[in-house]
Amino acid sequence: MLKPLGDRVMIEVAQEEEKTVGGLVLASAAKERPQTGTVIAVGEGRVLDNGELAAVSVKVGDTVLFEKYAGSEVKYDGKEYLIFSAKDIVAIVE
């Protein structure tokens, strides 16, 4: 498995089926990028100016809401993931 560095977080993006008002299912190319996903891996945190480590505020298994166009898409073992900075996480979904 991949291990993010620093304050980066790796998530598996939620696959949501999108339908039009008329009930037609949209092709994957026409869909907007989902903004929720499950945290798969978390880096050790960001090093502050004083040398201390600031831990990332999410943990593996959390469902999160993130910035719409944040992160880098990564394919690993046939699955698609996003890796981005923890600051791009907007909220934890409970």
PDB file of N, CA and C in Angstrom:
ATOM      1  N   MET A   1       0.837  -1.182   0.000  1.00  0.00           N
ATOM      2  CA  MET A   1       0.000   0.000   0.000  1.00  0.00           C
ATOM      3  C   MET A   1       0.882   1.245   0.000  1.00  0.00           C
ATOM      4  N   LEU A   2       0.350   2.321  -0.511  1.00  0.00           N
ATOM      5  CA  LEU A   2       1.056   3.595  -0.540  1.00  0.00           C
ATOM      6  C   LEU A   2       0.937   4.299   0.806  1.00  0.00           C
ATOM      7  N   LYS A   3       1.989   4.990   1.227  1.00  0.00           N
ATOM      8  CA  LYS A   3       2.005   5.733   2.490  1.00  0.00           C
ATOM      9  C   LYS A   3       2.285   7.201   2.170  1.00  0.00           C
ATOM     10  N   PRO A   4       1.300   8.088   2.388  1.00  0.00           N
ATOM     11  CA  PRO A   4       1.528   9.511   2.126  1.00  0.00           C
ATOM     12  C   PRO A   4       2.591  10.087   3.055  1.00  0.00           C
ATOM     13  N   LEU A   5       3.301  11.101   2.586  1.00  0.00           N
ATOM     14  CA  LEU A   5       4.326  11.759   3.388  1.00  0.00           C
ATOM     15  C   LEU A   5       3.798  13.083   3.943  1.00  0.00           C
ATOM     16  N   GLY A   6       4.394  13.527   5.040  1.00  0.00           N
ATOM     17  CA  GLY A   6       4.038  14.815   5.630  1.00  0.00           C
ATOM     18  C   GLY A   6       2.586  14.884   6.050  1.00  0.00           C
ATOM     19  N   ASP A   7       1.912  15.983   5.663  1.00  0.00           N
ATOM     20  CA  ASP A   7       0.513  16.161   6.050  1.00  0.00           C
ATOM     21  C   ASP A   7      -0.441  15.744   4.940  1.00  0.00           C
ATOM     22  N   ARG A   8      -0.002  14.848   4.096  1.00  0.00           N
ATOM     23  CA  ARG A   8      -0.842  14.389   2.994  1.00  0.00           C
ATOM     24  C   ARG A   8      -1.762  13.246   3.441  1.00  0.00           C
ATOM     25  N   VAL A   9      -2.893  13.149   2.749  1.00  0.00           N
ATOM     26  CA  VAL A   9      -3.912  12.148   3.054  1.00  0.00           C
ATOM     27  C   VAL A   9      -4.269  11.436   1.755  1.00  0.00           C
ATOM     28  N   MET A  10      -4.477  10.126   1.826  1.00  0.00           N
ATOM     29  CA  MET A  10      -4.886   9.346   0.664  1.00  0.00           C
ATOM     30  C   MET A  10      -6.314   8.873   0.895  1.00  0.00           C
ATOM     31  N   ILE A  11      -7.200   9.139  -0.061  1.00  0.00           N
ATOM     32  CA  ILE A  11      -8.584   8.707   0.091  1.00  0.00           C
ATOM     33  C   ILE A  11      -9.040   7.892  -1.107  1.00  0.00           C
ATOM     34  N   GLU A  12     -10.029   7.057  -0.851  1.00  0.00           N
ATOM     35  CA  GLU A  12     -10.719   6.348  -1.921  1.00  0.00           C
ATOM     36  C   GLU A  12     -11.992   7.139  -2.173  1.00  0.00           C
ATOM     37  N   VAL A  13     -12.151   7.633  -3.388  1.00  0.00           N
ATOM     38  CA  VAL A  13     -13.270   8.497  -3.726  1.00  0.00           C
ATOM     39  C   VAL A  13     -14.559   7.692  -3.779  1.00  0.00           C
ATOM     40  N   ALA A  14     -15.620   8.263  -3.206  1.00  0.00           N
ATOM     41  CA  ALA A  14     -16.933   7.623  -3.227  1.00  0.00           C
ATOM     42  C   ALA A  14     -17.445   7.601  -4.661  1.00  0.00           C
ATOM     43  N   GLN A  15     -17.925   6.461  -5.103  1.00  0.00           N
ATOM     44  CA  GLN A  15     -18.489   6.335  -6.441  1.00  0.00           C
ATOM     45  C   GLN A  15     -19.995   6.536  -6.347  1.00  0.00           C
ATOM     46  N   GLU A  16     -20.449   7.657  -6.875  1.00  0.00           N
ATOM     47  CA  GLU A  16     -21.864   7.994  -6.809  1.00  0.00           C
ATOM     48  C   GLU A  16     -22.450   7.948  -8.208  1.00  0.00           C
ATOM     49  N   GLU A  17     -23.599   7.317  -8.344  1.00  0.00           N
ATOM     50  CA  GLU A  17     -24.273   7.272  -9.635  1.00  0.00           C
ATOM     51  C   GLU A  17     -25.059   8.564  -9.791  1.00  0.00           C
ATOM     52  N   GLU A  18     -24.811   9.283 -10.868  1.00  0.00           N
ATOM     53  CA  GLU A  18     -25.505  10.539 -11.097  1.00  0.00           C
ATOM     54  C   GLU A  18     -26.588  10.342 -12.135  1.00  0.00           C
ATOM     55  N   LYS A  19     -27.759  10.901 -11.835  1.00  0.00           N
ATOM     56  CA  LYS A  19     -28.885  10.846 -12.758  1.00  0.00           C
ATOM     57  C   LYS A  19     -29.358  12.252 -13.053  1.00  0.00           C
ATOM     58  N   THR A  20     -29.898  12.419 -14.258  1.00  0.00           N
ATOM     59  CA  THR A  20     -30.496  13.693 -14.620  1.00  0.00           C
ATOM     60  C   THR A  20     -31.879  13.773 -13.989  1.00  0.00           C
ATOM     61  N   VAL A  21     -32.508  14.946 -14.100  1.00  0.00           N
ATOM     62  CA  VAL A  21     -33.854  15.132 -13.561  1.00  0.00           C
ATOM     63  C   VAL A  21     -34.818  14.137 -14.204  1.00  0.00           C
ATOM     64  N   GLY A  22     -34.598  13.816 -15.473  1.00  0.00           N
ATOM     65  CA  GLY A  22     -35.454  12.874 -16.196  1.00  0.00           C
ATOM     66  C   GLY A  22     -35.169  11.417 -15.879  1.00  0.00           C
ATOM     67  N   GLY A  23     -34.136  11.131 -15.073  1.00  0.00           N
ATOM     68  CA  GLY A  23     -33.834   9.765 -14.683  1.00  0.00           C
ATOM     69  C   GLY A  23     -32.756   9.077 -15.502  1.00  0.00           C
ATOM     70  N   LEU A  24     -32.132   9.777 -16.438  1.00  0.00           N
ATOM     71  CA  LEU A  24     -31.066   9.177 -17.234  1.00  0.00           C
ATOM     72  C   LEU A  24     -29.778   9.114 -16.415  1.00  0.00           C
ATOM     73  N   VAL A  25     -29.074   7.979 -16.479  1.00  0.00           N
ATOM     74  CA  VAL A  25     -27.797   7.823 -15.784  1.00  0.00           C
ATOM     75  C   VAL A  25     -26.715   8.439 -16.657  1.00  0.00           C
ATOM     76  N   LEU A  26     -25.908   9.321 -16.062  1.00  0.00           N
ATOM     77  CA  LEU A  26     -24.851  10.000 -16.807  1.00  0.00           C
ATOM     78  C   LEU A  26     -23.640   9.099 -17.000  1.00  0.00           C
ATOM     79  N   ALA A  27     -22.994   9.225 -18.148  1.00  0.00           N
ATOM     80  CA  ALA A  27     -21.749   8.506 -18.408  1.00  0.00           C
ATOM     81  C   ALA A  27     -20.664   9.083 -17.509  1.00  0.00           C
ATOM     82  N   SER A  28     -19.642   8.289 -17.220  1.00  0.00           N
ATOM     83  CA  SER A  28     -18.595   8.738 -16.297  1.00  0.00           C
ATOM     84  C   SER A  28     -17.907  10.010 -16.768  1.00  0.00           C
ATOM     85  N   ALA A  29     -17.803  10.228 -18.065  1.00  0.00           N
ATOM     86  CA  ALA A  29     -17.144  11.432 -18.581  1.00  0.00           C
ATOM     87  C   ALA A  29     -17.979  12.689 -18.319  1.00  0.00           C
ATOM     88  N   ALA A  30     -19.292  12.541 -18.171  1.00  0.00           N
ATOM     89  CA  ALA A  30     -20.173  13.688 -17.973  1.00  0.00           C
ATOM     90  C   ALA A  30     -20.402  14.006 -16.502  1.00  0.00           C
ATOM     91  N   LYS A  31     -19.959  13.143 -15.617  1.00  0.00           N
ATOM     92  CA  LYS A  31     -20.173  13.339 -14.187  1.00  0.00           C
ATOM     93  C   LYS A  31     -19.232  14.382 -13.622  1.00  0.00           C
ATOM     94  N   GLU A  32     -19.706  15.055 -12.583  1.00  0.00           N
ATOM     95  CA  GLU A  32     -18.804  15.928 -11.830  1.00  0.00           C
ATOM     96  C   GLU A  32     -18.025  15.065 -10.860  1.00  0.00           C
ATOM     97  N   ARG A  33     -16.851  15.525 -10.513  1.00  0.00           N
ATOM     98  CA  ARG A  33     -16.002  14.773  -9.599  1.00  0.00           C
ATOM     99  C   ARG A  33     -16.623  14.754  -8.197  1.00  0.00           C
ATOM    100  N   PRO A  34     -16.755  13.573  -7.575  1.00  0.00           N
ATOM    101  CA  PRO A  34     -17.305  13.501  -6.219  1.00  0.00           C
ATOM    102  C   PRO A  34     -16.422  14.257  -5.236  1.00  0.00           C
ATOM    103  N   GLN A  35     -17.026  14.718  -4.153  1.00  0.00           N
ATOM    104  CA  GLN A  35     -16.289  15.486  -3.169  1.00  0.00           C
ATOM    105  C   GLN A  35     -16.211  14.784  -1.825  1.00  0.00           C
ATOM    106  N   THR A  36     -16.596  13.516  -1.769  1.00  0.00           N
ATOM    107  CA  THR A  36     -16.467  12.761  -0.529  1.00  0.00           C
ATOM    108  C   THR A  36     -15.678  11.489  -0.786  1.00  0.00           C
ATOM    109  N   GLY A  37     -15.077  10.993   0.276  1.00  0.00           N
ATOM    110  CA  GLY A  37     -14.324   9.757   0.165  1.00  0.00           C
ATOM    111  C   GLY A  37     -13.926   9.254   1.532  1.00  0.00           C
ATOM    112  N   THR A  38     -13.351   8.059   1.554  1.00  0.00           N
ATOM    113  CA  THR A  38     -12.917   7.419   2.784  1.00  0.00           C
ATOM    114  C   THR A  38     -11.403   7.480   2.879  1.00  0.00           C
ATOM    115  N   VAL A  39     -10.907   7.883   4.044  1.00  0.00           N
ATOM    116  CA  VAL A  39      -9.469   7.988   4.263  1.00  0.00           C
ATOM    117  C   VAL A  39      -8.871   6.582   4.305  1.00  0.00           C
ATOM    118  N   ILE A  40      -7.877   6.342   3.463  1.00  0.00           N
ATOM    119  CA  ILE A  40      -7.215   5.043   3.365  1.00  0.00           C
ATOM    120  C   ILE A  40      -5.867   5.060   4.083  1.00  0.00           C
ATOM    121  N   ALA A  41      -5.155   6.192   4.001  1.00  0.00           N
ATOM    122  CA  ALA A  41      -3.848   6.320   4.640  1.00  0.00           C
ATOM    123  C   ALA A  41      -3.587   7.785   4.971  1.00  0.00           C
ATOM    124  N   VAL A  42      -2.811   8.010   6.032  1.00  0.00           N
ATOM    125  CA  VAL A  42      -2.508   9.360   6.509  1.00  0.00           C
ATOM    126  C   VAL A  42      -1.006   9.467   6.758  1.00  0.00           C
ATOM    127  N   GLY A  43      -0.425  10.604   6.363  1.00  0.00           N
ATOM    128  CA  GLY A  43       0.990  10.866   6.634  1.00  0.00           C
ATOM    129  C   GLY A  43       1.202  11.147   8.112  1.00  0.00           C
ATOM    130  N   GLU A  44       2.468  11.268   8.505  1.00  0.00           N
ATOM    131  CA  GLU A  44       2.803  11.454   9.923  1.00  0.00           C
ATOM    132  C   GLU A  44       2.506  12.855  10.428  1.00  0.00           C
ATOM    133  N   GLY A  45       2.336  13.834   9.547  1.00  0.00           N
ATOM    134  CA  GLY A  45       2.020  15.197   9.956  1.00  0.00           C
ATOM    135  C   GLY A  45       3.018  16.196   9.401  1.00  0.00           C
ATOM    136  N   ARG A  46       2.744  17.460   9.651  1.00  0.00           N
ATOM    137  CA  ARG A  46       3.569  18.551   9.153  1.00  0.00           C
ATOM    138  C   ARG A  46       4.531  19.009  10.247  1.00  0.00           C
ATOM    139  N   VAL A  47       5.769  19.272   9.871  1.00  0.00           N
ATOM    140  CA  VAL A  47       6.766  19.761  10.820  1.00  0.00           C
ATOM    141  C   VAL A  47       6.619  21.278  10.930  1.00  0.00           C
ATOM    142  N   LEU A  48       6.397  21.762  12.148  1.00  0.00           N
ATOM    143  CA  LEU A  48       6.249  23.191  12.405  1.00  0.00           C
ATOM    144  C   LEU A  48       7.607  23.879  12.433  1.00  0.00           C
ATOM    145  N   ASP A  49       7.601  25.207  12.429  1.00  0.00           N
ATOM    146  CA  ASP A  49       8.850  25.984  12.451  1.00  0.00           C
ATOM    147  C   ASP A  49       9.704  25.686  13.677  1.00  0.00           C
ATOM    148  N   ASN A  50       9.052  25.338  14.808  1.00  0.00           N
ATOM    149  CA  ASN A  50       9.805  25.051  16.036  1.00  0.00           C
ATOM    150  C   ASN A  50      10.286  23.598  16.107  1.00  0.00           C
ATOM    151  N   GLY A  51      10.046  22.830  15.048  1.00  0.00           N
ATOM    152  CA  GLY A  51      10.516  21.454  14.992  1.00  0.00           C
ATOM    153  C   GLY A  51       9.522  20.414  15.482  1.00  0.00           C
ATOM    154  N   GLU A  52       8.407  20.866  16.069  1.00  0.00           N
ATOM    155  CA  GLU A  52       7.393  19.913  16.540  1.00  0.00           C
ATOM    156  C   GLU A  52       6.573  19.404  15.368  1.00  0.00           C
ATOM    157  N   LEU A  53       5.961  18.250  15.575  1.00  0.00           N
ATOM    158  CA  LEU A  53       5.147  17.619  14.547  1.00  0.00           C
ATOM    159  C   LEU A  53       3.674  17.905  14.817  1.00  0.00           C
ATOM    160  N   ALA A  54       2.985  18.515  13.842  1.00  0.00           N
ATOM    161  CA  ALA A  54       1.545  18.773  13.949  1.00  0.00           C
ATOM    162  C   ALA A  54       0.826  17.597  13.294  1.00  0.00           C
ATOM    163  N   ALA A  55       0.131  16.806  14.087  1.00  0.00           N
ATOM    164  CA  ALA A  55      -0.555  15.623  13.584  1.00  0.00           C
ATOM    165  C   ALA A  55      -1.701  16.005  12.657  1.00  0.00           C
ATOM    166  N   VAL A  56      -2.026  15.125  11.731  1.00  0.00           N
ATOM    167  CA  VAL A  56      -3.152  15.315  10.820  1.00  0.00           C
ATOM    168  C   VAL A  56      -4.436  15.046  11.605  1.00  0.00           C
ATOM    169  N   SER A  57      -5.470  15.840  11.359  1.00  0.00           N
ATOM    170  CA  SER A  57      -6.697  15.773  12.170  1.00  0.00           C
ATOM    171  C   SER A  57      -7.686  14.696  11.730  1.00  0.00           C
ATOM    172  N   VAL A  58      -7.361  13.908  10.715  1.00  0.00           N
ATOM    173  CA  VAL A  58      -8.234  12.796  10.311  1.00  0.00           C
ATOM    174  C   VAL A  58      -7.499  11.488  10.514  1.00  0.00           C
ATOM    175  N   LYS A  59      -8.272  10.394  10.553  1.00  0.00           N
ATOM    176  CA  LYS A  59      -7.663   9.079  10.733  1.00  0.00           C
ATOM    177  C   LYS A  59      -8.204   8.117   9.681  1.00  0.00           C
ATOM    178  N   VAL A  60      -7.541   7.006   9.515  1.00  0.00           N
ATOM    179  CA  VAL A  60      -7.962   5.988   8.553  1.00  0.00           C
ATOM    180  C   VAL A  60      -9.384   5.547   8.896  1.00  0.00           C
ATOM    181  N   GLY A  61     -10.228   5.486   7.877  1.00  0.00           N
ATOM    182  CA  GLY A  61     -11.615   5.074   8.055  1.00  0.00           C
ATOM    183  C   GLY A  61     -12.602   6.231   8.093  1.00  0.00           C
ATOM    184  N   ASP A  62     -12.115   7.459   8.320  1.00  0.00           N
ATOM    185  CA  ASP A  62     -13.001   8.630   8.329  1.00  0.00           C
ATOM    186  C   ASP A  62     -13.543   8.879   6.926  1.00  0.00           C
ATOM    187  N   THR A  63     -14.813   9.315   6.853  1.00  0.00           N
ATOM    188  CA  THR A  63     -15.384   9.784   5.597  1.00  0.00           C
ATOM    189  C   THR A  63     -15.264  11.296   5.610  1.00  0.00           C
ATOM    190  N   VAL A  64     -14.669  11.851   4.556  1.00  0.00           N
ATOM    191  CA  VAL A  64     -14.378  13.279   4.538  1.00  0.00           C
ATOM    192  C   VAL A  64     -14.975  13.966   3.317  1.00  0.00           C
ATOM    193  N   LEU A  65     -15.191  15.268   3.469  1.00  0.00           N
ATOM    194  CA  LEU A  65     -15.608  16.141   2.390  1.00  0.00           C
ATOM    195  C   LEU A  65     -14.392  16.993   2.050  1.00  0.00           C
ATOM    196  N   PHE A  66     -14.039  17.089   0.763  1.00  0.00           N
ATOM    197  CA  PHE A  66     -12.821  17.789   0.391  1.00  0.00           C
ATOM    198  C   PHE A  66     -13.074  18.776  -0.740  1.00  0.00           C
ATOM    199  N   GLU A  67     -12.120  19.684  -0.936  1.00  0.00           N
ATOM    200  CA  GLU A  67     -12.206  20.687  -1.995  1.00  0.00           C
ATOM    201  C   GLU A  67     -12.422  20.008  -3.343  1.00  0.00           C
ATOM    202  N   LYS A  68     -13.236  20.604  -4.183  1.00  0.00           N
ATOM    203  CA  LYS A  68     -13.662  19.986  -5.439  1.00  0.00           C
ATOM    204  C   LYS A  68     -12.521  19.566  -6.366  1.00  0.00           C
ATOM    205  N   TYR A  69     -11.527  20.407  -6.574  1.00  0.00           N
ATOM    206  CA  TYR A  69     -10.469  20.070  -7.528  1.00  0.00           C
ATOM    207  C   TYR A  69      -9.130  19.840  -6.841  1.00  0.00           C
ATOM    208  N   ALA A  70      -9.157  19.449  -5.602  1.00  0.00           N
ATOM    209  CA  ALA A  70      -7.929  19.220  -4.837  1.00  0.00           C
ATOM    210  C   ALA A  70      -7.310  17.876  -5.205  1.00  0.00           C
ATOM    211  N   GLY A  71      -6.018  17.783  -4.990  1.00  0.00           N
ATOM    212  CA  GLY A  71      -5.336  16.505  -5.034  1.00  0.00           C
ATOM    213  C   GLY A  71      -4.861  16.024  -6.374  1.00  0.00           C
ATOM    214  N   SER A  72      -4.125  14.932  -6.278  1.00  0.00           N
ATOM    215  CA  SER A  72      -3.584  14.249  -7.445  1.00  0.00           C
ATOM    216  C   SER A  72      -4.209  12.870  -7.528  1.00  0.00           C
ATOM    217  N   GLU A  73      -4.673  12.520  -8.722  1.00  0.00           N
ATOM    218  CA  GLU A  73      -5.264  11.200  -8.912  1.00  0.00           C
ATOM    219  C   GLU A  73      -4.153  10.173  -9.067  1.00  0.00           C
ATOM    220  N   VAL A  74      -4.317   9.034  -8.391  1.00  0.00           N
ATOM    221  CA  VAL A  74      -3.326   7.963  -8.425  1.00  0.00           C
ATOM    222  C   VAL A  74      -4.058   6.640  -8.630  1.00  0.00           C
ATOM    223  N   LYS A  75      -3.544   5.802  -9.533  1.00  0.00           N
ATOM    224  CA  LYS A  75      -4.083   4.454  -9.701  1.00  0.00           C
ATOM    225  C   LYS A  75      -3.086   3.481  -9.088  1.00  0.00           C
ATOM    226  N   TYR A  76      -3.584   2.595  -8.216  1.00  0.00           N
ATOM    227  CA  TYR A  76      -2.718   1.624  -7.555  1.00  0.00           C
ATOM    228  C   TYR A  76      -3.506   0.338  -7.367  1.00  0.00           C
ATOM    229  N   ASP A  77      -2.983  -0.777  -7.817  1.00  0.00           N
ATOM    230  CA  ASP A  77      -3.639  -2.085  -7.743  1.00  0.00           C
ATOM    231  C   ASP A  77      -5.055  -2.064  -8.321  1.00  0.00           C
ATOM    232  N   GLY A  78      -5.241  -1.345  -9.425  1.00  0.00           N
ATOM    233  CA  GLY A  78      -6.521  -1.321 -10.114  1.00  0.00           C
ATOM    234  C   GLY A  78      -7.572  -0.411  -9.501  1.00  0.00           C
ATOM    235  N   LYS A  79      -7.233   0.320  -8.461  1.00  0.00           N
ATOM    236  CA  LYS A  79      -8.184   1.243  -7.831  1.00  0.00           C
ATOM    237  C   LYS A  79      -7.686   2.670  -7.989  1.00  0.00           C
ATOM    238  N   GLU A  80      -8.638   3.603  -7.986  1.00  0.00           N
ATOM    239  CA  GLU A  80      -8.282   5.011  -8.092  1.00  0.00           C
ATOM    240  C   GLU A  80      -8.351   5.674  -6.723  1.00  0.00           C
ATOM    241  N   TYR A  81      -7.335   6.477  -6.422  1.00  0.00           N
ATOM    242  CA  TYR A  81      -7.252   7.187  -5.157  1.00  0.00           C
ATOM    243  C   TYR A  81      -6.913   8.649  -5.427  1.00  0.00           C
ATOM    244  N   LEU A  82      -7.109   9.484  -4.430  1.00  0.00           N
ATOM    245  CA  LEU A  82      -6.656  10.868  -4.451  1.00  0.00           C
ATOM    246  C   LEU A  82      -5.683  11.065  -3.309  1.00  0.00           C
ATOM    247  N   ILE A  83      -4.606  11.788  -3.565  1.00  0.00           N
ATOM    248  CA  ILE A  83      -3.664  12.164  -2.506  1.00  0.00           C
ATOM    249  C   ILE A  83      -3.599  13.681  -2.493  1.00  0.00           C
ATOM    250  N   PHE A  84      -3.846  14.267  -1.323  1.00  0.00           N
ATOM    251  CA  PHE A  84      -3.792  15.715  -1.204  1.00  0.00           C
ATOM    252  C   PHE A  84      -3.431  16.134   0.203  1.00  0.00           C
ATOM    253  N   SER A  85      -3.163  17.424   0.344  1.00  0.00           N
ATOM    254  CA  SER A  85      -2.794  17.981   1.636  1.00  0.00           C
ATOM    255  C   SER A  85      -3.996  17.985   2.569  1.00  0.00           C
ATOM    256  N   ALA A  86      -3.758  17.782   3.850  1.00  0.00           N
ATOM    257  CA  ALA A  86      -4.839  17.754   4.837  1.00  0.00           C
ATOM    258  C   ALA A  86      -5.600  19.072   4.878  1.00  0.00           C
ATOM    259  N   LYS A  87      -4.985  20.173   4.475  1.00  0.00           N
ATOM    260  CA  LYS A  87      -5.671  21.470   4.499  1.00  0.00           C
ATOM    261  C   LYS A  87      -6.793  21.534   3.470  1.00  0.00           C
ATOM    262  N   ASP A  88      -6.822  20.610   2.480  1.00  0.00           N
ATOM    263  CA  ASP A  88      -7.872  20.584   1.490  1.00  0.00           C
ATOM    264  C   ASP A  88      -9.115  19.841   1.970  1.00  0.00           C
ATOM    265  N   ILE A  89      -9.057  19.252   3.155  1.00  0.00           N
ATOM    266  CA  ILE A  89     -10.223  18.595   3.736  1.00  0.00           C
ATOM    267  C   ILE A  89     -11.087  19.656   4.396  1.00  0.00           C
ATOM    268  N   VAL A  90     -12.355  19.690   4.020  1.00  0.00           N
ATOM    269  CA  VAL A  90     -13.275  20.697   4.508  1.00  0.00           C
ATOM    270  C   VAL A  90     -13.970  20.240   5.780  1.00  0.00           C
ATOM    271  N   ALA A  91     -14.351  18.936   5.837  1.00  0.00           N
ATOM    272  CA  ALA A  91     -15.095  18.436   6.992  1.00  0.00           C
ATOM    273  C   ALA A  91     -15.011  16.919   7.073  1.00  0.00           C
ATOM    274  N   ILE A  92     -15.293  16.404   8.264  1.00  0.00           N
ATOM    275  CA  ILE A  92     -15.437  14.964   8.477  1.00  0.00           C
ATOM    276  C   ILE A  92     -16.943  14.683   8.500  1.00  0.00           C
ATOM    277  N   VAL A  93     -17.380  13.723   7.702  1.00  0.00           N
ATOM    278  CA  VAL A  93     -18.794  13.369   7.650  1.00  0.00           C
ATOM    279  C   VAL A  93     -19.088  12.352   8.728  1.00  0.00           C
ATOM    280  N   GLU A  94     -20.032  12.661   9.606  1.00  0.00           N
ATOM    281  CA  GLU A  94     -20.385  11.746  10.709  1.00  0.00           C
ATOM    282  C   GLU A  94     -21.733  11.128  10.505  1.00  0.00           C
TER     283      GLU A  94
END
